[in-house]
Amino acid sequence: METLNQDIVGFIARLDRFYQELHKSASSGVSEMNAFDQKRLQSYIDALRALKKHQEEQPQLDLPESHGAIVYAIEDLGDFTDVENESINDALRLMKVLRHELVNSQSSRVASGYNKHDSMRVDSVVSKLESLLKNYIQIATPLDMPESSPKQEQSGAGNQGI
C-alpha cells in the first residue's frame, strides 16, 4: 500500500505503533484490561487527536511539484492474530479499519491534509474507540470466564533491544 499524503503517512505510522503496543500489552493475554493499559489506550487516542488537530490547523500546502512525485510506502501491518482479550480485539479492529479507510481515502491521493469527509471518518472512528474504552471496558469488564479461558495463544513479547 502507499499514499501520496505526508500527513496520512505520519498518522498511520503512529496508529501502527499504537496497534502493536496494544496487541502486545500485558492485558492482551487475559480478559481484564488493566488500569495501566487503559491509561495507555487513552493516551494513544489523545495523541491521534492531537496529531490530526495539528495537521489540520496548518495552512493547506500548495505542493504541485511533490504531488505524485513523492510516494510513501505503507508497510503491511503484519499478521496479528486475535488475542485472549476480546475488548482489545475490538479496539484493534477499529484501529485496523481506520488505517484501511485512510490509506484508501481521497485524501491519500493529495500531498497533504484531509478532505472534510475523511476528516469526519477519522474523528468518528477515534470517538468510537474512546467510547469502547469509557462505556464498555471501564464499566463492564473484567468478566469472570473460567470455563472458556484461555482460548487464544499469548501474543508474545514485544520487540527486543538491538
N, C-alpha and C. Protein backbone atom coordinates (compact mmCIF):
# COMPACT_ATOMS: atom_id res chain seq x y z
N MET A 1 0.84 -1.17 0.00
CA MET A 1 0.00 0.00 0.00
C MET A 1 0.88 1.24 0.00
N GLU A 2 0.29 2.32 -0.44
CA GLU A 2 1.04 3.57 -0.49
C GLU A 2 0.10 4.76 -0.39
N THR A 3 0.67 5.90 -0.07
CA THR A 3 -0.08 7.15 -0.02
C THR A 3 0.80 8.26 -0.59
N LEU A 4 0.17 9.28 -1.09
CA LEU A 4 0.87 10.48 -1.54
C LEU A 4 0.89 11.54 -0.44
N ASN A 5 0.15 11.31 0.63
CA ASN A 5 -0.12 12.32 1.62
C ASN A 5 0.83 12.21 2.82
N GLN A 6 1.62 13.27 3.02
CA GLN A 6 2.58 13.28 4.12
C GLN A 6 1.91 13.27 5.49
N ASP A 7 0.73 13.85 5.61
CA ASP A 7 0.02 13.83 6.88
C ASP A 7 -0.50 12.42 7.20
N ILE A 8 -1.03 11.76 6.21
CA ILE A 8 -1.57 10.42 6.41
C ILE A 8 -0.46 9.43 6.75
N VAL A 9 0.69 9.53 6.09
CA VAL A 9 1.77 8.59 6.40
C VAL A 9 2.22 8.76 7.86
N GLY A 10 2.25 9.99 8.35
CA GLY A 10 2.61 10.22 9.75
C GLY A 10 1.55 9.71 10.71
N PHE A 11 0.29 9.92 10.36
CA PHE A 11 -0.80 9.45 11.20
C PHE A 11 -0.79 7.92 11.27
N ILE A 12 -0.60 7.27 10.15
CA ILE A 12 -0.61 5.81 10.11
C ILE A 12 0.61 5.24 10.83
N ALA A 13 1.75 5.90 10.76
CA ALA A 13 2.94 5.42 11.49
C ALA A 13 2.64 5.34 12.99
N ARG A 14 1.97 6.35 13.50
CA ARG A 14 1.63 6.35 14.92
C ARG A 14 0.53 5.32 15.22
N LEU A 15 -0.47 5.27 14.37
CA LEU A 15 -1.55 4.30 14.55
C LEU A 15 -0.99 2.87 14.57
N ASP A 16 -0.07 2.57 13.68
CA ASP A 16 0.55 1.23 13.64
C ASP A 16 1.32 0.94 14.92
N ARG A 17 2.03 1.94 15.43
CA ARG A 17 2.79 1.75 16.67
C ARG A 17 1.85 1.49 17.83
N PHE A 18 0.75 2.24 17.89
CA PHE A 18 -0.22 2.05 18.97
C PHE A 18 -0.89 0.68 18.85
N TYR A 19 -1.14 0.25 17.63
CA TYR A 19 -1.71 -1.08 17.37
C TYR A 19 -0.80 -2.16 17.94
N GLN A 20 0.48 -2.06 17.64
CA GLN A 20 1.44 -3.05 18.12
C GLN A 20 1.53 -3.02 19.65
N GLU A 21 1.55 -1.85 20.23
CA GLU A 21 1.62 -1.72 21.68
C GLU A 21 0.42 -2.39 22.35
N LEU A 22 -0.76 -2.14 21.81
CA LEU A 22 -1.97 -2.72 22.37
C LEU A 22 -2.01 -4.23 22.19
N HIS A 23 -1.60 -4.69 21.02
CA HIS A 23 -1.58 -6.13 20.74
C HIS A 23 -0.63 -6.88 21.65
N LYS A 24 0.48 -6.26 22.00
CA LYS A 24 1.49 -6.91 22.83
C LYS A 24 1.36 -6.54 24.32
N SER A 25 0.32 -5.83 24.68
CA SER A 25 0.17 -5.36 26.05
C SER A 25 0.00 -6.51 27.04
N ALA A 26 0.26 -6.22 28.30
CA ALA A 26 0.10 -7.23 29.35
C ALA A 26 -1.35 -7.71 29.44
N SER A 27 -2.29 -6.84 29.10
CA SER A 27 -3.71 -7.20 29.18
C SER A 27 -4.18 -8.09 28.03
N SER A 28 -3.38 -8.21 27.00
CA SER A 28 -3.84 -8.96 25.82
C SER A 28 -4.07 -10.43 26.09
N GLY A 29 -3.40 -10.98 27.10
CA GLY A 29 -3.49 -12.41 27.37
C GLY A 29 -4.53 -12.80 28.40
N VAL A 30 -5.30 -11.83 28.89
CA VAL A 30 -6.31 -12.10 29.91
C VAL A 30 -7.60 -11.35 29.56
N SER A 31 -8.69 -11.64 30.28
CA SER A 31 -9.96 -10.98 29.95
C SER A 31 -10.04 -9.54 30.47
N GLU A 32 -9.20 -9.19 31.44
CA GLU A 32 -9.24 -7.86 32.02
C GLU A 32 -8.23 -6.94 31.35
N MET A 33 -8.65 -5.71 31.07
CA MET A 33 -7.71 -4.70 30.60
C MET A 33 -7.31 -3.89 31.82
N ASN A 34 -6.05 -4.06 32.25
CA ASN A 34 -5.63 -3.42 33.50
C ASN A 34 -5.62 -1.89 33.37
N ALA A 35 -5.54 -1.22 34.52
CA ALA A 35 -5.60 0.24 34.56
C ALA A 35 -4.47 0.88 33.78
N PHE A 36 -3.30 0.25 33.77
CA PHE A 36 -2.16 0.82 33.06
C PHE A 36 -2.40 0.80 31.55
N ASP A 37 -2.92 -0.33 31.04
CA ASP A 37 -3.19 -0.42 29.61
C ASP A 37 -4.38 0.45 29.20
N GLN A 38 -5.35 0.62 30.10
CA GLN A 38 -6.44 1.56 29.82
C GLN A 38 -5.90 2.99 29.69
N LYS A 39 -5.00 3.34 30.59
CA LYS A 39 -4.40 4.68 30.54
C LYS A 39 -3.58 4.85 29.25
N ARG A 40 -2.85 3.80 28.87
CA ARG A 40 -2.09 3.86 27.62
C ARG A 40 -3.02 4.04 26.42
N LEU A 41 -4.11 3.26 26.38
CA LEU A 41 -5.04 3.39 25.26
C LEU A 41 -5.60 4.81 25.19
N GLN A 42 -5.96 5.37 26.33
CA GLN A 42 -6.46 6.75 26.33
C GLN A 42 -5.38 7.71 25.82
N SER A 43 -4.13 7.47 26.19
CA SER A 43 -3.05 8.35 25.72
C SER A 43 -2.85 8.22 24.21
N TYR A 44 -3.06 7.02 23.66
CA TYR A 44 -2.96 6.83 22.21
C TYR A 44 -4.09 7.58 21.50
N ILE A 45 -5.28 7.50 22.05
CA ILE A 45 -6.43 8.22 21.49
C ILE A 45 -6.16 9.72 21.52
N ASP A 46 -5.67 10.21 22.65
CA ASP A 46 -5.36 11.64 22.78
C ASP A 46 -4.28 12.07 21.80
N ALA A 47 -3.28 11.21 21.62
CA ALA A 47 -2.18 11.53 20.68
C ALA A 47 -2.68 11.59 19.25
N LEU A 48 -3.56 10.66 18.86
CA LEU A 48 -4.11 10.69 17.50
C LEU A 48 -4.91 11.96 17.26
N ARG A 49 -5.70 12.34 18.25
CA ARG A 49 -6.48 13.58 18.12
C ARG A 49 -5.58 14.81 18.03
N ALA A 50 -4.54 14.84 18.86
CA ALA A 50 -3.63 15.99 18.86
C ALA A 50 -2.88 16.10 17.53
N LEU A 51 -2.42 14.97 17.01
CA LEU A 51 -1.71 14.99 15.74
C LEU A 51 -2.61 15.48 14.62
N LYS A 52 -3.81 14.94 14.55
CA LYS A 52 -4.74 15.35 13.49
C LYS A 52 -5.09 16.83 13.62
N LYS A 53 -5.28 17.29 14.84
CA LYS A 53 -5.57 18.72 15.06
C LYS A 53 -4.41 19.57 14.55
N HIS A 54 -3.19 19.17 14.90
CA HIS A 54 -2.01 19.88 14.41
C HIS A 54 -1.99 19.89 12.87
N GLN A 55 -2.21 18.74 12.28
CA GLN A 55 -2.16 18.63 10.82
C GLN A 55 -3.23 19.51 10.17
N GLU A 56 -4.41 19.55 10.75
CA GLU A 56 -5.50 20.32 10.14
C GLU A 56 -5.41 21.82 10.41
N GLU A 57 -4.71 22.20 11.47
CA GLU A 57 -4.58 23.63 11.77
C GLU A 57 -3.54 24.32 10.90
N GLN A 58 -2.71 23.54 10.25
CA GLN A 58 -1.71 24.13 9.37
C GLN A 58 -2.38 24.59 8.08
N PRO A 59 -1.86 25.63 7.44
CA PRO A 59 -2.45 26.06 6.18
C PRO A 59 -2.31 24.96 5.12
N GLN A 60 -3.28 24.90 4.24
CA GLN A 60 -3.21 23.95 3.13
C GLN A 60 -1.93 24.22 2.34
N LEU A 61 -1.17 23.20 2.08
CA LEU A 61 0.09 23.36 1.37
C LEU A 61 -0.12 23.25 -0.14
N ASP A 62 0.48 24.15 -0.87
CA ASP A 62 0.46 24.10 -2.34
C ASP A 62 1.74 23.40 -2.77
N LEU A 63 1.62 22.12 -3.14
CA LEU A 63 2.79 21.31 -3.44
C LEU A 63 2.69 20.68 -4.84
N PRO A 64 2.64 21.52 -5.89
CA PRO A 64 2.44 20.96 -7.23
C PRO A 64 3.59 20.09 -7.72
N GLU A 65 4.80 20.36 -7.27
CA GLU A 65 5.94 19.56 -7.72
C GLU A 65 6.05 18.23 -6.96
N SER A 66 5.53 18.21 -5.76
CA SER A 66 5.59 16.99 -4.95
C SER A 66 4.44 16.03 -5.24
N HIS A 67 3.28 16.60 -5.61
CA HIS A 67 2.11 15.76 -5.85
C HIS A 67 2.41 14.72 -6.93
N GLY A 68 2.30 13.47 -6.55
CA GLY A 68 2.54 12.37 -7.48
C GLY A 68 3.99 11.97 -7.61
N ALA A 69 4.90 12.87 -7.24
CA ALA A 69 6.34 12.57 -7.36
C ALA A 69 6.87 11.88 -6.10
N ILE A 70 6.28 12.21 -4.96
CA ILE A 70 6.71 11.60 -3.70
C ILE A 70 5.62 10.64 -3.26
N VAL A 71 5.98 9.38 -3.19
CA VAL A 71 5.04 8.34 -2.80
C VAL A 71 5.60 7.67 -1.55
N TYR A 72 4.77 7.58 -0.53
CA TYR A 72 5.18 6.97 0.73
C TYR A 72 4.64 5.54 0.80
N ALA A 73 5.54 4.60 1.01
CA ALA A 73 5.13 3.21 1.16
C ALA A 73 4.53 3.03 2.56
N ILE A 74 3.44 2.32 2.61
CA ILE A 74 2.82 1.96 3.88
C ILE A 74 3.08 0.47 4.08
N GLU A 75 3.88 0.17 5.08
CA GLU A 75 4.23 -1.23 5.33
C GLU A 75 3.00 -2.02 5.75
N ASP A 76 3.02 -3.30 5.41
CA ASP A 76 1.95 -4.19 5.82
C ASP A 76 1.91 -4.22 7.34
N LEU A 77 0.74 -4.24 7.89
CA LEU A 77 0.57 -4.24 9.34
C LEU A 77 1.10 -5.53 9.96
N GLY A 78 1.19 -6.55 9.18
CA GLY A 78 1.66 -7.83 9.72
C GLY A 78 0.49 -8.74 10.00
N ASP A 79 0.80 -9.95 10.36
CA ASP A 79 -0.22 -10.95 10.60
C ASP A 79 -0.47 -11.06 12.10
N PHE A 80 -1.20 -10.10 12.63
CA PHE A 80 -1.53 -10.12 14.05
C PHE A 80 -2.77 -10.97 14.25
N THR A 81 -2.66 -11.98 15.07
CA THR A 81 -3.79 -12.85 15.37
C THR A 81 -4.60 -12.24 16.51
N ASP A 82 -5.82 -12.74 16.67
CA ASP A 82 -6.62 -12.30 17.81
C ASP A 82 -5.91 -12.66 19.10
N VAL A 83 -6.16 -11.86 20.12
CA VAL A 83 -5.61 -12.13 21.44
C VAL A 83 -6.73 -12.61 22.35
N GLU A 84 -6.38 -13.02 23.54
CA GLU A 84 -7.37 -13.52 24.51
C GLU A 84 -8.39 -12.45 24.89
N ASN A 85 -7.95 -11.21 25.02
CA ASN A 85 -8.79 -10.13 25.49
C ASN A 85 -9.68 -9.61 24.34
N GLU A 86 -10.97 -9.92 24.44
CA GLU A 86 -11.90 -9.55 23.37
C GLU A 86 -12.06 -8.03 23.22
N SER A 87 -11.93 -7.30 24.32
CA SER A 87 -12.02 -5.84 24.24
C SER A 87 -10.83 -5.27 23.48
N ILE A 88 -9.67 -5.85 23.68
CA ILE A 88 -8.50 -5.42 22.91
C ILE A 88 -8.70 -5.78 21.44
N ASN A 89 -9.26 -6.93 21.15
CA ASN A 89 -9.56 -7.29 19.76
C ASN A 89 -10.51 -6.27 19.13
N ASP A 90 -11.52 -5.83 19.89
CA ASP A 90 -12.44 -4.81 19.38
C ASP A 90 -11.69 -3.52 19.05
N ALA A 91 -10.81 -3.10 19.94
CA ALA A 91 -10.02 -1.88 19.72
C ALA A 91 -9.10 -2.03 18.52
N LEU A 92 -8.46 -3.19 18.40
CA LEU A 92 -7.56 -3.43 17.27
C LEU A 92 -8.31 -3.40 15.95
N ARG A 93 -9.52 -3.96 15.93
CA ARG A 93 -10.31 -3.93 14.69
C ARG A 93 -10.65 -2.50 14.29
N LEU A 94 -10.99 -1.67 15.26
CA LEU A 94 -11.28 -0.26 14.95
C LEU A 94 -10.04 0.44 14.39
N MET A 95 -8.89 0.16 14.98
CA MET A 95 -7.65 0.78 14.51
C MET A 95 -7.32 0.29 13.09
N LYS A 96 -7.55 -0.98 12.86
CA LYS A 96 -7.25 -1.54 11.55
C LYS A 96 -8.18 -0.96 10.46
N VAL A 97 -9.45 -0.80 10.78
CA VAL A 97 -10.38 -0.24 9.80
C VAL A 97 -10.07 1.23 9.55
N LEU A 98 -9.66 1.96 10.58
CA LEU A 98 -9.27 3.37 10.38
C LEU A 98 -8.07 3.45 9.44
N ARG A 99 -7.12 2.59 9.65
CA ARG A 99 -5.93 2.54 8.79
C ARG A 99 -6.32 2.29 7.34
N HIS A 100 -7.19 1.30 7.14
CA HIS A 100 -7.62 0.93 5.79
C HIS A 100 -8.38 2.08 5.11
N GLU A 101 -9.26 2.71 5.86
CA GLU A 101 -10.02 3.84 5.32
C GLU A 101 -9.09 4.98 4.91
N LEU A 102 -8.12 5.29 5.76
CA LEU A 102 -7.21 6.40 5.45
C LEU A 102 -6.33 6.12 4.24
N VAL A 103 -5.75 4.94 4.20
CA VAL A 103 -4.85 4.61 3.08
C VAL A 103 -5.60 4.64 1.75
N ASN A 104 -6.86 4.28 1.78
CA ASN A 104 -7.65 4.20 0.55
C ASN A 104 -8.56 5.41 0.33
N SER A 105 -8.34 6.46 1.08
CA SER A 105 -9.20 7.64 1.02
C SER A 105 -8.82 8.57 -0.13
N GLN A 106 -9.72 9.50 -0.40
CA GLN A 106 -9.43 10.56 -1.36
C GLN A 106 -8.26 11.42 -0.87
N SER A 107 -8.21 11.66 0.42
CA SER A 107 -7.13 12.47 0.99
C SER A 107 -5.77 11.83 0.78
N SER A 108 -5.73 10.52 0.69
CA SER A 108 -4.47 9.81 0.49
C SER A 108 -3.86 10.12 -0.88
N ARG A 109 -4.67 10.68 -1.76
CA ARG A 109 -4.22 10.94 -3.13
C ARG A 109 -3.76 12.38 -3.35
N VAL A 110 -3.69 13.15 -2.26
CA VAL A 110 -3.14 14.52 -2.35
C VAL A 110 -1.92 14.61 -1.44
N ALA A 111 -1.13 15.63 -1.60
CA ALA A 111 0.15 15.72 -0.92
C ALA A 111 0.04 15.97 0.59
N SER A 112 -1.02 16.62 1.03
CA SER A 112 -1.18 16.87 2.46
C SER A 112 -2.64 17.18 2.78
N GLY A 113 -2.97 17.07 4.05
CA GLY A 113 -4.30 17.44 4.52
C GLY A 113 -5.33 16.34 4.39
N TYR A 114 -6.52 16.66 4.88
CA TYR A 114 -7.66 15.75 4.85
C TYR A 114 -8.85 16.49 4.24
N ASN A 115 -9.62 15.83 3.39
CA ASN A 115 -10.86 16.48 2.98
C ASN A 115 -11.87 16.31 4.11
N LYS A 116 -12.97 17.05 4.06
CA LYS A 116 -13.88 17.08 5.21
C LYS A 116 -14.50 15.71 5.50
N HIS A 117 -14.74 14.92 4.48
CA HIS A 117 -15.36 13.61 4.70
C HIS A 117 -14.37 12.64 5.36
N ASP A 118 -13.14 12.65 4.89
CA ASP A 118 -12.12 11.79 5.50
C ASP A 118 -11.81 12.24 6.93
N SER A 119 -11.81 13.55 7.16
CA SER A 119 -11.59 14.08 8.49
C SER A 119 -12.69 13.61 9.45
N MET A 120 -13.93 13.65 8.99
CA MET A 120 -15.04 13.18 9.82
C MET A 120 -14.94 11.68 10.07
N ARG A 121 -14.48 10.93 9.07
CA ARG A 121 -14.31 9.49 9.24
C ARG A 121 -13.29 9.18 10.33
N VAL A 122 -12.16 9.88 10.31
CA VAL A 122 -11.14 9.69 11.33
C VAL A 122 -11.72 10.03 12.70
N ASP A 123 -12.37 11.18 12.81
CA ASP A 123 -12.96 11.59 14.09
C ASP A 123 -13.96 10.57 14.60
N SER A 124 -14.79 10.04 13.73
CA SER A 124 -15.82 9.08 14.12
C SER A 124 -15.22 7.79 14.65
N VAL A 125 -14.21 7.27 13.97
CA VAL A 125 -13.60 6.01 14.42
C VAL A 125 -12.84 6.21 15.73
N VAL A 126 -12.12 7.32 15.84
CA VAL A 126 -11.39 7.59 17.08
C VAL A 126 -12.38 7.78 18.24
N SER A 127 -13.50 8.44 17.99
CA SER A 127 -14.52 8.60 19.03
C SER A 127 -15.13 7.26 19.43
N LYS A 128 -15.34 6.39 18.46
CA LYS A 128 -15.87 5.06 18.78
C LYS A 128 -14.87 4.26 19.60
N LEU A 129 -13.59 4.41 19.30
CA LEU A 129 -12.55 3.75 20.08
C LEU A 129 -12.57 4.25 21.53
N GLU A 130 -12.71 5.55 21.70
CA GLU A 130 -12.77 6.11 23.05
C GLU A 130 -14.04 5.67 23.77
N SER A 131 -15.15 5.58 23.05
CA SER A 131 -16.39 5.11 23.65
C SER A 131 -16.27 3.66 24.10
N LEU A 132 -15.60 2.83 23.31
CA LEU A 132 -15.35 1.44 23.72
C LEU A 132 -14.62 1.42 25.06
N LEU A 133 -13.60 2.26 25.19
CA LEU A 133 -12.84 2.32 26.43
C LEU A 133 -13.70 2.80 27.60
N LYS A 134 -14.38 3.92 27.42
CA LYS A 134 -15.09 4.56 28.53
C LYS A 134 -16.44 3.93 28.85
N ASN A 135 -17.14 3.47 27.83
CA ASN A 135 -18.51 3.00 28.02
C ASN A 135 -18.64 1.48 28.06
N TYR A 136 -17.57 0.77 27.79
CA TYR A 136 -17.63 -0.68 27.90
C TYR A 136 -16.50 -1.21 28.78
N ILE A 137 -15.26 -1.00 28.35
CA ILE A 137 -14.12 -1.58 29.06
C ILE A 137 -14.10 -1.13 30.52
N GLN A 138 -14.26 0.16 30.77
CA GLN A 138 -14.18 0.67 32.14
C GLN A 138 -15.41 0.37 32.98
N ILE A 139 -16.51 -0.04 32.33
CA ILE A 139 -17.75 -0.30 33.05
C ILE A 139 -18.05 -1.79 33.19
N ALA A 140 -17.92 -2.53 32.11
CA ALA A 140 -18.40 -3.92 32.09
C ALA A 140 -17.32 -4.97 32.27
N THR A 141 -16.07 -4.57 32.33
CA THR A 141 -15.02 -5.57 32.47
C THR A 141 -14.27 -5.33 33.77
N PRO A 142 -13.62 -6.34 34.34
CA PRO A 142 -13.38 -7.66 33.77
C PRO A 142 -14.57 -8.59 33.98
N LEU A 143 -14.63 -9.58 33.12
CA LEU A 143 -15.64 -10.62 33.23
C LEU A 143 -14.98 -11.89 33.73
N ASP A 144 -15.68 -12.63 34.55
CA ASP A 144 -15.16 -13.90 35.06
C ASP A 144 -15.60 -15.00 34.11
N MET A 145 -14.66 -15.57 33.37
CA MET A 145 -14.97 -16.61 32.39
C MET A 145 -14.02 -17.79 32.56
N PRO A 146 -14.10 -18.48 33.70
CA PRO A 146 -13.14 -19.55 33.98
C PRO A 146 -13.28 -20.76 33.07
N GLU A 147 -14.46 -21.01 32.54
CA GLU A 147 -14.68 -22.21 31.73
C GLU A 147 -14.24 -22.03 30.28
N SER A 148 -14.14 -20.80 29.83
CA SER A 148 -13.77 -20.58 28.42
C SER A 148 -12.39 -19.94 28.25
N SER A 149 -11.68 -19.78 29.34
CA SER A 149 -10.35 -19.15 29.27
C SER A 149 -9.27 -20.17 29.62
N PRO A 150 -8.13 -20.12 29.04
CA PRO A 150 -7.77 -19.29 27.88
C PRO A 150 -8.28 -19.91 26.59
N LYS A 151 -8.50 -19.06 25.61
CA LYS A 151 -8.95 -19.55 24.30
C LYS A 151 -8.00 -19.17 23.18
N GLN A 152 -7.06 -18.29 23.44
CA GLN A 152 -6.09 -17.87 22.43
C GLN A 152 -4.68 -18.06 22.99
N GLU A 153 -3.74 -18.24 22.07
CA GLU A 153 -2.33 -18.26 22.47
C GLU A 153 -1.93 -16.87 22.93
N GLN A 154 -0.87 -16.79 23.72
CA GLN A 154 -0.33 -15.48 24.12
C GLN A 154 0.19 -14.74 22.88
N SER A 155 0.11 -13.42 22.90
CA SER A 155 0.59 -12.64 21.76
C SER A 155 2.10 -12.58 21.71
N GLY A 156 2.77 -12.94 22.78
CA GLY A 156 4.23 -12.95 22.78
C GLY A 156 4.82 -11.62 23.25
N ALA A 157 6.11 -11.64 23.40
CA ALA A 157 6.83 -10.45 23.88
C ALA A 157 6.89 -9.39 22.79
N GLY A 158 7.09 -8.17 23.22
CA GLY A 158 7.29 -7.07 22.27
C GLY A 158 8.67 -7.12 21.66
N ASN A 159 9.03 -6.10 20.91
CA ASN A 159 10.34 -6.04 20.28
C ASN A 159 11.44 -6.03 21.32
N GLN A 160 12.55 -6.66 21.00
CA GLN A 160 13.68 -6.73 21.91
C GLN A 160 14.72 -5.68 21.51
N GLY A 161 15.69 -5.44 22.38
CA GLY A 161 16.74 -4.46 22.11
C GLY A 161 17.64 -4.87 20.95
N ILE A 162 18.60 -4.05 20.63
CA ILE A 162 19.43 -4.27 19.47
C ILE A 162 20.30 -5.48 19.56
